[in-house]
PDB file of N, CA and C in Angstrom:
ATOM      1  N   MET A   1      62.948 -51.963  11.988  1.00  0.00           N
ATOM      2  CA  MET A   1      63.811 -50.846  12.672  1.00  0.00           C
ATOM      3  C   MET A   1      62.928 -49.859  12.552  1.00  0.00           C
ATOM      4  N   THR A   2      62.680 -49.072  14.024  1.00  0.00           N
ATOM      5  CA  THR A   2      61.884 -48.221  14.247  1.00  0.00           C
ATOM      6  C   THR A   2      62.893 -46.560  14.780  1.00  0.00           C
ATOM      7  N   GLY A   3      62.408 -45.259  14.555  1.00  0.00           N
ATOM      8  CA  GLY A   3      63.044 -44.517  15.075  1.00  0.00           C
ATOM      9  C   GLY A   3      63.993 -43.814  14.070  1.00  0.00           C
ATOM     10  N   PRO A   4      64.188 -42.677  14.335  1.00  0.00           N
ATOM     11  CA  PRO A   4      65.150 -41.684  13.313  1.00  0.00           C
ATOM     12  C   PRO A   4      66.396 -42.576  12.614  1.00  0.00           C
ATOM     13  N   ALA A   5      66.739 -43.816  13.388  1.00  0.00           N
ATOM     14  CA  ALA A   5      67.832 -44.369  12.270  1.00  0.00           C
ATOM     15  C   ALA A   5      67.401 -44.653  10.812  1.00  0.00           C
ATOM     16  N   ARG A   6      66.133 -44.934  10.349  1.00  0.00           N
ATOM     17  CA  ARG A   6      65.399 -44.924   9.335  1.00  0.00           C
ATOM     18  C   ARG A   6      66.142 -44.198   8.407  1.00  0.00           C
ATOM     19  N   SER A   7      66.539 -44.568   7.412  1.00  0.00           N
ATOM     20  CA  SER A   7      66.860 -43.699   5.951  1.00  0.00           C
ATOM     21  C   SER A   7      65.390 -43.294   5.437  1.00  0.00           C
ATOM     22  N   LEU A   8      65.922 -41.990   4.775  1.00  0.00           N
ATOM     23  CA  LEU A   8      64.767 -41.426   3.864  1.00  0.00           C
ATOM     24  C   LEU A   8      64.173 -42.128   2.870  1.00  0.00           C
ATOM     25  N   PRO A   9      64.999 -43.025   2.041  1.00  0.00           N
ATOM     26  CA  PRO A   9      64.377 -43.809   0.844  1.00  0.00           C
ATOM     27  C   PRO A   9      63.281 -44.642   1.706  1.00  0.00           C
ATOM     28  N   ARG A  10      63.936 -45.496   3.121  1.00  0.00           N
ATOM     29  CA  ARG A  10      62.703 -46.443   3.589  1.00  0.00           C
ATOM     30  C   ARG A  10      61.658 -45.551   3.992  1.00  0.00           C
ATOM     31  N   ARG A  11      61.797 -44.661   4.665  1.00  0.00           N
ATOM     32  CA  ARG A  11      60.554 -43.705   5.198  1.00  0.00           C
ATOM     33  C   ARG A  11      59.482 -43.683   3.782  1.00  0.00           C
ATOM     34  N   LEU A  12      60.404 -43.114   2.684  1.00  0.00           N
ATOM     35  CA  LEU A  12      59.435 -42.813   1.680  1.00  0.00           C
ATOM     36  C   LEU A  12      58.413 -44.194   0.899  1.00  0.00           C
ATOM     37  N   ARG A  13      59.444 -45.320   0.951  1.00  0.00           N
ATOM     38  CA  ARG A  13      58.754 -46.515   0.273  1.00  0.00           C
ATOM     39  C   ARG A  13      57.889 -46.856   1.169  1.00  0.00           C
ATOM     40  N   HIS A  14      57.887 -46.624   3.210  1.00  0.00           N
ATOM     41  CA  HIS A  14      57.113 -46.984   3.611  1.00  0.00           C
ATOM     42  C   HIS A  14      55.556 -45.844   3.487  1.00  0.00           C
ATOM     43  N   VAL A  15      55.758 -44.872   3.357  1.00  0.00           N
ATOM     44  CA  VAL A  15      54.718 -43.820   3.313  1.00  0.00           C
ATOM     45  C   VAL A  15      53.778 -44.097   1.902  1.00  0.00           C
ATOM     46  N   LEU A  16      54.821 -44.107   0.597  1.00  0.00           N
ATOM     47  CA  LEU A  16      54.266 -44.660  -0.617  1.00  0.00           C
ATOM     48  C   LEU A  16      53.496 -45.940  -0.489  1.00  0.00           C
ATOM     49  N   GLY A  17      53.671 -46.685   0.156  1.00  0.00           N
ATOM     50  CA  GLY A  17      53.104 -48.092   0.013  1.00  0.00           C
ATOM     51  C   GLY A  17      51.867 -48.036   0.590  1.00  0.00           C
ATOM     52  N   ASP A  18      51.485 -46.923   1.523  1.00  0.00           N
ATOM     53  CA  ASP A  18      49.962 -47.046   2.030  1.00  0.00           C
ATOM     54  C   ASP A  18      48.927 -47.137   0.721  1.00  0.00           C
ATOM     55  N   ILE A  19      47.795 -47.908   0.913  1.00  0.00           N
ATOM     56  CA  ILE A  19      46.740 -48.231  -0.062  1.00  0.00           C
ATOM     57  C   ILE A  19      46.442 -46.618  -0.703  1.00  0.00           C
ATOM     58  N   ALA A  20      46.043 -46.015   0.333  1.00  0.00           N
ATOM     59  CA  ALA A  20      45.445 -44.467  -0.132  1.00  0.00           C
ATOM     60  C   ALA A  20      46.453 -43.673  -1.025  1.00  0.00           C
ATOM     61  N   ALA A  21      47.826 -43.633  -0.892  1.00  0.00           N
ATOM     62  CA  ALA A  21      48.611 -43.062  -1.777  1.00  0.00           C
ATOM     63  C   ALA A  21      48.771 -43.818  -2.972  1.00  0.00           C
ATOM     64  N   LEU A  22      48.957 -45.173  -3.046  1.00  0.00           N
ATOM     65  CA  LEU A  22      48.754 -46.227  -4.199  1.00  0.00           C
ATOM     66  C   LEU A  22      47.657 -45.955  -5.087  1.00  0.00           C
ATOM     67  N   VAL A  23      46.414 -45.751  -4.494  1.00  0.00           N
ATOM     68  CA  VAL A  23      45.236 -45.648  -5.388  1.00  0.00           C
ATOM     69  C   VAL A  23      45.437 -44.198  -5.689  1.00  0.00           C
ATOM     70  N   TYR A  24      46.035 -42.961  -5.191  1.00  0.00           N
ATOM     71  CA  TYR A  24      45.764 -41.744  -5.946  1.00  0.00           C
ATOM     72  C   TYR A  24      47.114 -41.685  -6.887  1.00  0.00           C
ATOM     73  N   LEU A  25      48.223 -42.507  -7.170  1.00  0.00           N
ATOM     74  CA  LEU A  25      48.735 -42.514  -7.936  1.00  0.00           C
ATOM     75  C   LEU A  25      48.595 -43.483  -9.016  1.00  0.00           C
ATOM     76  N   GLY A  26      47.437 -44.483  -8.992  1.00  0.00           N
ATOM     77  CA  GLY A  26      46.826 -45.162  -9.913  1.00  0.00           C
ATOM     78  C   GLY A  26      46.085 -44.066 -10.778  1.00  0.00           C
ATOM     79  N   LEU A  27      45.648 -43.456  -9.988  1.00  0.00           N
ATOM     80  CA  LEU A  27      44.679 -42.390 -10.613  1.00  0.00           C
ATOM     81  C   LEU A  27      45.293 -41.473 -11.140  1.00  0.00           C
ATOM     82  N   CYS A  28      46.311 -40.967 -11.010  1.00  0.00           N
ATOM     83  CA  CYS A  28      47.203 -39.641 -11.563  1.00  0.00           C
ATOM     84  C   CYS A  28      47.990 -40.499 -12.970  1.00  0.00           C
ATOM     85  N   ALA A  29      48.197 -41.495 -12.718  1.00  0.00           N
ATOM     86  CA  ALA A  29      48.390 -42.898 -14.125  1.00  0.00           C
ATOM     87  C   ALA A  29      47.382 -42.648 -15.042  1.00  0.00           C
ATOM     88  N   ALA A  30      46.259 -43.056 -14.734  1.00  0.00           N
ATOM     89  CA  ALA A  30      45.176 -43.219 -15.432  1.00  0.00           C
ATOM     90  C   ALA A  30      44.861 -41.937 -16.221  1.00  0.00           C
ATOM     91  N   LEU A  31      44.912 -40.794 -15.329  1.00  0.00           N
ATOM     92  CA  LEU A  31      44.440 -39.791 -15.788  1.00  0.00           C
ATOM     93  C   LEU A  31      45.491 -38.928 -17.001  1.00  0.00           C
ATOM     94  N   LEU A  32      46.879 -39.262 -16.766  1.00  0.00           N
ATOM     95  CA  LEU A  32      47.814 -39.181 -17.407  1.00  0.00           C
ATOM     96  C   LEU A  32      47.425 -39.630 -18.893  1.00  0.00           C
ATOM     97  N   THR A  33      47.046 -41.210 -18.832  1.00  0.00           N
ATOM     98  CA  THR A  33      47.044 -41.801 -19.849  1.00  0.00           C
ATOM     99  C   THR A  33      46.078 -41.630 -20.825  1.00  0.00           C
ATOM    100  N   TRP A  34      44.921 -40.908 -19.922  1.00  0.00           N
ATOM    101  CA  TRP A  34      43.694 -40.620 -20.531  1.00  0.00           C
ATOM    102  C   TRP A  34      43.874 -39.071 -21.740  1.00  0.00           C
ATOM    103  N   ALA A  35      44.563 -38.354 -20.644  1.00  0.00           N
ATOM    104  CA  ALA A  35      44.964 -37.006 -21.559  1.00  0.00           C
ATOM    105  C   ALA A  35      45.915 -37.194 -22.858  1.00  0.00           C
ATOM    106  N   PHE A  36      46.935 -38.214 -22.839  1.00  0.00           N
ATOM    107  CA  PHE A  36      47.563 -38.348 -24.122  1.00  0.00           C
ATOM    108  C   PHE A  36      46.945 -38.782 -24.991  1.00  0.00           C
ATOM    109  N   ALA A  37      45.626 -39.744 -24.884  1.00  0.00           N
ATOM    110  CA  ALA A  37      44.887 -40.684 -25.508  1.00  0.00           C
ATOM    111  C   ALA A  37      43.873 -39.727 -26.300  1.00  0.00           C
ATOM    112  N   VAL A  38      43.435 -38.933 -25.478  1.00  0.00           N
ATOM    113  CA  VAL A  38      42.521 -37.484 -26.086  1.00  0.00           C
ATOM    114  C   VAL A  38      43.290 -36.711 -27.118  1.00  0.00           C
ATOM    115  N   SER A  39      44.447 -36.410 -26.593  1.00  0.00           N
ATOM    116  CA  SER A  39      45.304 -35.224 -27.110  1.00  0.00           C
ATOM    117  C   SER A  39      45.346 -35.819 -28.679  1.00  0.00           C
ATOM    118  N   ALA A  40      45.785 -37.352 -28.649  1.00  0.00           N
ATOM    119  CA  ALA A  40      46.051 -38.110 -30.172  1.00  0.00           C
ATOM    120  C   ALA A  40      44.861 -38.005 -30.917  1.00  0.00           C
ATOM    121  N   GLY A  41      43.613 -37.748 -30.608  1.00  0.00           N
ATOM    122  CA  GLY A  41      42.418 -37.845 -31.270  1.00  0.00           C
ATOM    123  C   GLY A  41      42.092 -36.378 -31.603  1.00  0.00           C
ATOM    124  N   GLU A  42      41.491 -35.900 -32.667  1.00  0.00           N
ATOM    125  CA  GLU A  42      41.134 -34.875 -33.145  1.00  0.00           C
ATOM    126  C   GLU A  42      39.703 -34.589 -32.856  1.00  0.00           C
ATOM    127  N   THR A  43      39.424 -33.846 -31.588  1.00  0.00           N
ATOM    128  CA  THR A  43      38.388 -33.533 -30.831  1.00  0.00           C
ATOM    129  C   THR A  43      38.405 -32.291 -30.431  1.00  0.00           C
ATOM    130  N   GLU A  44      37.195 -31.806 -30.134  1.00  0.00           N
ATOM    131  CA  GLU A  44      37.422 -30.278 -29.653  1.00  0.00           C
ATOM    132  C   GLU A  44      37.783 -30.007 -28.215  1.00  0.00           C
ATOM    133  N   ASP A  45      37.852 -31.046 -27.734  1.00  0.00           N
ATOM    134  CA  ASP A  45      38.175 -30.877 -25.735  1.00  0.00           C
ATOM    135  C   ASP A  45      40.171 -31.288 -25.991  1.00  0.00           C
ATOM    136  N   ALA A  46      40.083 -31.641 -26.999  1.00  0.00           N
ATOM    137  CA  ALA A  46      41.633 -32.087 -26.997  1.00  0.00           C
ATOM    138  C   ALA A  46      42.631 -31.290 -26.376  1.00  0.00           C
ATOM    139  N   SER A  47      42.628 -30.054 -26.569  1.00  0.00           N
ATOM    140  CA  SER A  47      43.565 -29.008 -26.104  1.00  0.00           C
ATOM    141  C   SER A  47      43.617 -28.559 -24.480  1.00  0.00           C
ATOM    142  N   PHE A  48      42.177 -29.232 -23.728  1.00  0.00           N
ATOM    143  CA  PHE A  48      42.120 -28.881 -22.874  1.00  0.00           C
ATOM    144  C   PHE A  48      42.635 -30.301 -21.623  1.00  0.00           C
ATOM    145  N   ALA A  49      42.549 -31.534 -22.462  1.00  0.00           N
ATOM    146  CA  ALA A  49      42.874 -32.610 -21.803  1.00  0.00           C
ATOM    147  C   ALA A  49      44.205 -32.864 -20.964  1.00  0.00           C
ATOM    148  N   GLY A  50      44.880 -31.831 -21.145  1.00  0.00           N
ATOM    149  CA  GLY A  50      46.227 -31.963 -19.882  1.00  0.00           C
ATOM    150  C   GLY A  50      46.134 -31.017 -18.978  1.00  0.00           C
ATOM    151  N   VAL A  51      45.008 -30.324 -18.761  1.00  0.00           N
ATOM    152  CA  VAL A  51      44.596 -29.812 -17.504  1.00  0.00           C
ATOM    153  C   VAL A  51      43.996 -30.395 -16.345  1.00  0.00           C
ATOM    154  N   ILE A  52      43.253 -31.543 -16.613  1.00  0.00           N
ATOM    155  CA  ILE A  52      43.134 -32.428 -15.697  1.00  0.00           C
ATOM    156  C   ILE A  52      43.961 -33.286 -14.781  1.00  0.00           C
ATOM    157  N   PRO A  53      45.023 -33.699 -15.783  1.00  0.00           N
ATOM    158  CA  PRO A  53      46.355 -34.703 -14.782  1.00  0.00           C
ATOM    159  C   PRO A  53      47.019 -33.448 -13.471  1.00  0.00           C
ATOM    160  N   LEU A  54      47.275 -31.687 -14.751  1.00  0.00           N
ATOM    161  CA  LEU A  54      47.693 -30.851 -13.708  1.00  0.00           C
ATOM    162  C   LEU A  54      47.219 -30.503 -12.485  1.00  0.00           C
ATOM    163  N   LEU A  55      45.863 -30.444 -12.621  1.00  0.00           N
ATOM    164  CA  LEU A  55      44.894 -30.261 -11.615  1.00  0.00           C
ATOM    165  C   LEU A  55      44.877 -31.210 -10.343  1.00  0.00           C
ATOM    166  N   ALA A  56      44.744 -32.184 -11.084  1.00  0.00           N
ATOM    167  CA  ALA A  56      44.759 -33.779 -10.127  1.00  0.00           C
ATOM    168  C   ALA A  56      46.103 -33.669  -9.016  1.00  0.00           C
ATOM    169  N   THR A  57      47.298 -32.942  -9.607  1.00  0.00           N
ATOM    170  CA  THR A  57      48.252 -33.011  -9.189  1.00  0.00           C
ATOM    171  C   THR A  57      48.991 -31.791  -8.663  1.00  0.00           C
ATOM    172  N   ALA A  58      48.195 -30.612  -8.572  1.00  0.00           N
ATOM    173  CA  ALA A  58      48.698 -29.479  -8.418  1.00  0.00           C
ATOM    174  C   ALA A  58      48.778 -29.325  -6.467  1.00  0.00           C
ATOM    175  N   PRO A  59      49.700 -28.624  -6.184  1.00  0.00           N
ATOM    176  CA  PRO A  59      50.493 -27.369  -6.576  1.00  0.00           C
ATOM    177  C   PRO A  59      51.514 -27.835  -7.174  1.00  0.00           C
ATOM    178  N   VAL A  60      52.550 -28.681  -6.780  1.00  0.00           N
ATOM    179  CA  VAL A  60      53.597 -29.252  -7.603  1.00  0.00           C
ATOM    180  C   VAL A  60      53.585 -28.697  -9.071  1.00  0.00           C
ATOM    181  N   SER A  61      52.957 -29.653  -9.604  1.00  0.00           N
ATOM    182  CA  SER A  61      53.008 -29.736 -11.208  1.00  0.00           C
ATOM    183  C   SER A  61      52.705 -28.257 -11.658  1.00  0.00           C
ATOM    184  N   PHE A  62      51.782 -27.485 -10.991  1.00  0.00           N
ATOM    185  CA  PHE A  62      51.611 -25.801 -11.518  1.00  0.00           C
ATOM    186  C   PHE A  62      53.290 -25.368 -11.457  1.00  0.00           C
ATOM    187  N   VAL A  63      53.849 -25.396 -10.158  1.00  0.00           N
ATOM    188  CA  VAL A  63      55.235 -24.773 -10.303  1.00  0.00           C
ATOM    189  C   VAL A  63      56.114 -25.342 -11.286  1.00  0.00           C
ATOM    190  N   LEU A  64      56.043 -26.582 -12.001  1.00  0.00           N
ATOM    191  CA  LEU A  64      56.903 -26.844 -12.849  1.00  0.00           C
ATOM    192  C   LEU A  64      56.646 -26.860 -14.282  1.00  0.00           C
ATOM    193  N   THR A  65      55.337 -25.995 -14.452  1.00  0.00           N
ATOM    194  CA  THR A  65      55.031 -25.918 -15.624  1.00  0.00           C
ATOM    195  C   THR A  65      55.679 -24.777 -16.420  1.00  0.00           C
ATOM    196  N   VAL A  66      56.579 -24.000 -15.364  1.00  0.00           N
ATOM    197  CA  VAL A  66      57.529 -23.400 -16.428  1.00  0.00           C
ATOM    198  C   VAL A  66      58.607 -23.680 -16.905  1.00  0.00           C
ATOM    199  N   LEU A  67      58.701 -25.259 -17.006  1.00  0.00           N
ATOM    200  CA  LEU A  67      59.596 -25.654 -17.724  1.00  0.00           C
ATOM    201  C   LEU A  67      59.547 -25.780 -19.101  1.00  0.00           C
ATOM    202  N   PRO A  68      60.594 -26.045 -19.941  1.00  0.00           N
ATOM    203  CA  PRO A  68      59.754 -25.921 -21.360  1.00  0.00           C
ATOM    204  C   PRO A  68      58.988 -26.637 -21.848  1.00  0.00           C
ATOM    205  N   ASP A  69      58.365 -25.971 -22.878  1.00  0.00           N
ATOM    206  CA  ASP A  69      56.828 -26.878 -23.514  1.00  0.00           C
ATOM    207  C   ASP A  69      57.128 -27.760 -24.048  1.00  0.00           C
ATOM    208  N   SER A  70      57.345 -29.255 -23.647  1.00  0.00           N
ATOM    209  CA  SER A  70      57.394 -30.433 -24.069  1.00  0.00           C
ATOM    210  C   SER A  70      56.482 -31.472 -23.664  1.00  0.00           C
ATOM    211  N   PRO A  71      56.336 -32.574 -24.333  1.00  0.00           N
ATOM    212  CA  PRO A  71      55.697 -33.545 -23.675  1.00  0.00           C
ATOM    213  C   PRO A  71      56.526 -34.329 -22.352  1.00  0.00           C
ATOM    214  N   VAL A  72      57.411 -34.476 -22.490  1.00  0.00           N
ATOM    215  CA  VAL A  72      58.411 -35.009 -21.255  1.00  0.00           C
ATOM    216  C   VAL A  72      58.628 -33.967 -20.091  1.00  0.00           C
ATOM    217  N   MET A  73      58.213 -32.808 -20.516  1.00  0.00           N
ATOM    218  CA  MET A  73      58.279 -32.138 -19.243  1.00  0.00           C
ATOM    219  C   MET A  73      56.979 -31.911 -18.445  1.00  0.00           C
ATOM    220  N   PHE A  74      55.823 -31.661 -19.553  1.00  0.00           N
ATOM    221  CA  PHE A  74      54.595 -32.437 -18.781  1.00  0.00           C
ATOM    222  C   PHE A  74      54.302 -33.428 -18.250  1.00  0.00           C
ATOM    223  N   VAL A  75      55.055 -34.613 -18.269  1.00  0.00           N
ATOM    224  CA  VAL A  75      55.175 -35.623 -17.674  1.00  0.00           C
ATOM    225  C   VAL A  75      56.073 -35.599 -16.675  1.00  0.00           C
ATOM    226  N   LEU A  76      56.927 -34.892 -16.637  1.00  0.00           N
ATOM    227  CA  LEU A  76      57.739 -34.854 -15.371  1.00  0.00           C
ATOM    228  C   LEU A  76      56.931 -33.847 -14.298  1.00  0.00           C
ATOM    229  N   ALA A  77      56.317 -33.038 -14.839  1.00  0.00           N
ATOM    230  CA  ALA A  77      55.751 -32.213 -13.770  1.00  0.00           C
ATOM    231  C   ALA A  77      54.496 -32.792 -13.141  1.00  0.00           C
ATOM    232  N   VAL A  78      53.784 -33.762 -13.803  1.00  0.00           N
ATOM    233  CA  VAL A  78      53.087 -34.708 -13.589  1.00  0.00           C
ATOM    234  C   VAL A  78      53.129 -35.377 -12.369  1.00  0.00           C
ATOM    235  N   LEU A  79      54.600 -36.082 -12.861  1.00  0.00           N
ATOM    236  CA  LEU A  79      55.187 -37.245 -11.811  1.00  0.00           C
ATOM    237  C   LEU A  79      55.464 -36.529 -10.795  1.00  0.00           C
ATOM    238  N   ALA A  80      56.135 -35.476 -10.818  1.00  0.00           N
ATOM    239  CA  ALA A  80      56.732 -35.207  -9.281  1.00  0.00           C
ATOM    240  C   ALA A  80      55.554 -34.681  -8.845  1.00  0.00           C
ATOM    241  N   GLY A  81      54.577 -33.858  -9.027  1.00  0.00           N
ATOM    242  CA  GLY A  81      53.314 -33.470  -8.150  1.00  0.00           C
ATOM    243  C   GLY A  81      52.757 -34.965  -7.459  1.00  0.00           C
ATOM    244  N   ALA A  82      52.515 -35.733  -8.477  1.00  0.00           N
ATOM    245  CA  ALA A  82      51.952 -37.035  -7.805  1.00  0.00           C
ATOM    246  C   ALA A  82      52.746 -37.702  -6.830  1.00  0.00           C
ATOM    247  N   LEU A  83      54.018 -37.681  -6.898  1.00  0.00           N
ATOM    248  CA  LEU A  83      54.616 -38.241  -5.934  1.00  0.00           C
ATOM    249  C   LEU A  83      54.864 -37.350  -4.741  1.00  0.00           C
ATOM    250  N   VAL A  84      54.760 -35.669  -4.887  1.00  0.00           N
ATOM    251  CA  VAL A  84      54.725 -35.178  -3.499  1.00  0.00           C
ATOM    252  C   VAL A  84      53.194 -35.451  -3.064  1.00  0.00           C
ATOM    253  N   ASN A  85      52.362 -35.200  -3.624  1.00  0.00           N
ATOM    254  CA  ASN A  85      50.877 -35.471  -3.149  1.00  0.00           C
ATOM    255  C   ASN A  85      50.799 -37.160  -2.527  1.00  0.00           C
ATOM    256  N   ALA A  86      51.233 -37.730  -3.029  1.00  0.00           N
ATOM    257  CA  ALA A  86      50.985 -39.175  -2.707  1.00  0.00           C
ATOM    258  C   ALA A  86      51.682 -39.280  -1.529  1.00  0.00           C
ATOM    259  N   THR A  87      52.837 -38.905  -1.237  1.00  0.00           N
ATOM    260  CA  THR A  87      53.753 -38.790   0.159  1.00  0.00           C
ATOM    261  C   THR A  87      52.689 -38.182   1.197  1.00  0.00           C
ATOM    262  N   VAL A  88      52.053 -36.986   0.809  1.00  0.00           N
ATOM    263  CA  VAL A  88      51.794 -36.394   2.055  1.00  0.00           C
ATOM    264  C   VAL A  88      50.412 -37.106   2.414  1.00  0.00           C
ATOM    265  N   ILE A  89      50.121 -37.717   0.982  1.00  0.00           N
ATOM    266  CA  ILE A  89      48.571 -38.623   1.343  1.00  0.00           C
ATOM    267  C   ILE A  89      49.018 -40.043   2.490  1.00  0.00           C
ATOM    268  N   GLY A  90      50.253 -40.911   2.095  1.00  0.00           N
ATOM    269  CA  GLY A  90      50.072 -41.761   3.098  1.00  0.00           C
ATOM    270  C   GLY A  90      50.479 -41.208   4.227  1.00  0.00           C
ATOM    271  N   TRP A  91      51.441 -40.510   4.350  1.00  0.00           N
ATOM    272  CA  TRP A  91      51.877 -39.834   5.583  1.00  0.00           C
ATOM    273  C   TRP A  91      50.454 -39.660   6.473  1.00  0.00           C
ATOM    274  N   CYS A  92      49.435 -38.527   6.114  1.00  0.00           N
ATOM    275  CA  CYS A  92      48.462 -38.631   6.752  1.00  0.00           C
ATOM    276  C   CYS A  92      47.538 -39.593   7.167  1.00  0.00           C
ATOM    277  N   SER A  93      47.532 -40.585   6.110  1.00  0.00           N
ATOM    278  CA  SER A  93      46.977 -41.744   6.487  1.00  0.00           C
ATOM    279  C   SER A  93      47.214 -42.475   7.581  1.00  0.00           C
ATOM    280  N   ARG A  94      48.716 -42.963   7.328  1.00  0.00           N
ATOM    281  CA  ARG A  94      49.233 -43.589   8.582  1.00  0.00           C
ATOM    282  C   ARG A  94      49.199 -42.891   9.749  1.00  0.00           C
ATOM    283  N   ALA A  95      49.053 -41.426   9.396  1.00  0.00           N
ATOM    284  CA  ALA A  95      48.980 -40.865  10.878  1.00  0.00           C
ATOM    285  C   ALA A  95      47.674 -40.949  11.736  1.00  0.00           C
ATOM    286  N   LEU A  96      46.952 -40.801  10.724  1.00  0.00           N
ATOM    287  CA  LEU A  96      45.525 -40.696  11.404  1.00  0.00           C
ATOM    288  C   LEU A  96      45.320 -42.061  11.697  1.00  0.00           C
ATOM    289  N   ARG A  97      45.704 -43.326  11.114  1.00  0.00           N
ATOM    290  CA  ARG A  97      45.443 -45.018  11.625  1.00  0.00           C
ATOM    291  C   ARG A  97      45.966 -44.887  13.142  1.00  0.00           C
ATOM    292  N   ARG A  98      47.209 -44.289  12.870  1.00  0.00           N
ATOM    293  CA  ARG A  98      47.890 -44.461  14.306  1.00  0.00           C
ATOM    294  C   ARG A  98      47.263 -43.681  15.492  1.00  0.00           C
ATOM    295  N   GLY A  99      46.696 -42.655  15.062  1.00  0.00           N
ATOM    296  CA  GLY A  99      46.170 -41.672  16.042  1.00  0.00           C
ATOM    297  C   GLY A  99      44.720 -42.319  16.461  1.00  0.00           C
ATOM    298  N   VAL A 100      44.381 -43.201  15.790  1.00  0.00           N
ATOM    299  CA  VAL A 100      42.953 -44.108  16.068  1.00  0.00           C
ATOM    300  C   VAL A 100      43.417 -45.438  17.002  1.00  0.00           C
ATOM    301  N   GLY A 101      44.660 -45.636  16.704  1.00  0.00           N
ATOM    302  CA  GLY A 101      44.995 -46.830  17.650  1.00  0.00           C
ATOM    303  C   GLY A 101      45.544 -46.496  18.814  1.00  0.00           C
ATOM    304  N   ALA A 102      45.982 -45.274  19.274  1.00  0.00           N
ATOM    305  CA  ALA A 102      46.729 -44.846  20.550  1.00  0.00           C
ATOM    306  C   ALA A 102      45.541 -44.273  20.975  1.00  0.00           C
ATOM    307  N   SER A 103      44.382 -44.036  20.656  1.00  0.00           N
ATOM    308  CA  SER A 103      43.286 -43.490  21.444  1.00  0.00           C
ATOM    309  C   SER A 103      42.390 -44.570  22.495  1.00  0.00           C
ATOM    310  N   ARG A 104      42.678 -45.583  21.825  1.00  0.00           N
ATOM    311  CA  ARG A 104      41.871 -46.568  22.717  1.00  0.00           C
ATOM    312  C   ARG A 104      42.464 -47.467  23.768  1.00  0.00           C
TER     313      ARG A 104
END
């Protein structure tokens, strides 16, 4: 089914199924896991480990950092940022591929 009859969840599933979006989501998951693993250990850089996933999922994650300070809210901010960015990445990737095929 194509055209305006497609529902929002179908469109999101279609865009988030793009390989570029999936690679980005995997990278964000790995960064989040790394941040928690480093924070669990007692190293000098442990306090800055959470900054890396926030930077990778900016700007949405920065907006959501005003939520109460807890590990759950940190994960929600990174998750929301990753999903929004992956949606944009998937949409751009599909649009660029469609543009290349249409110009031939």
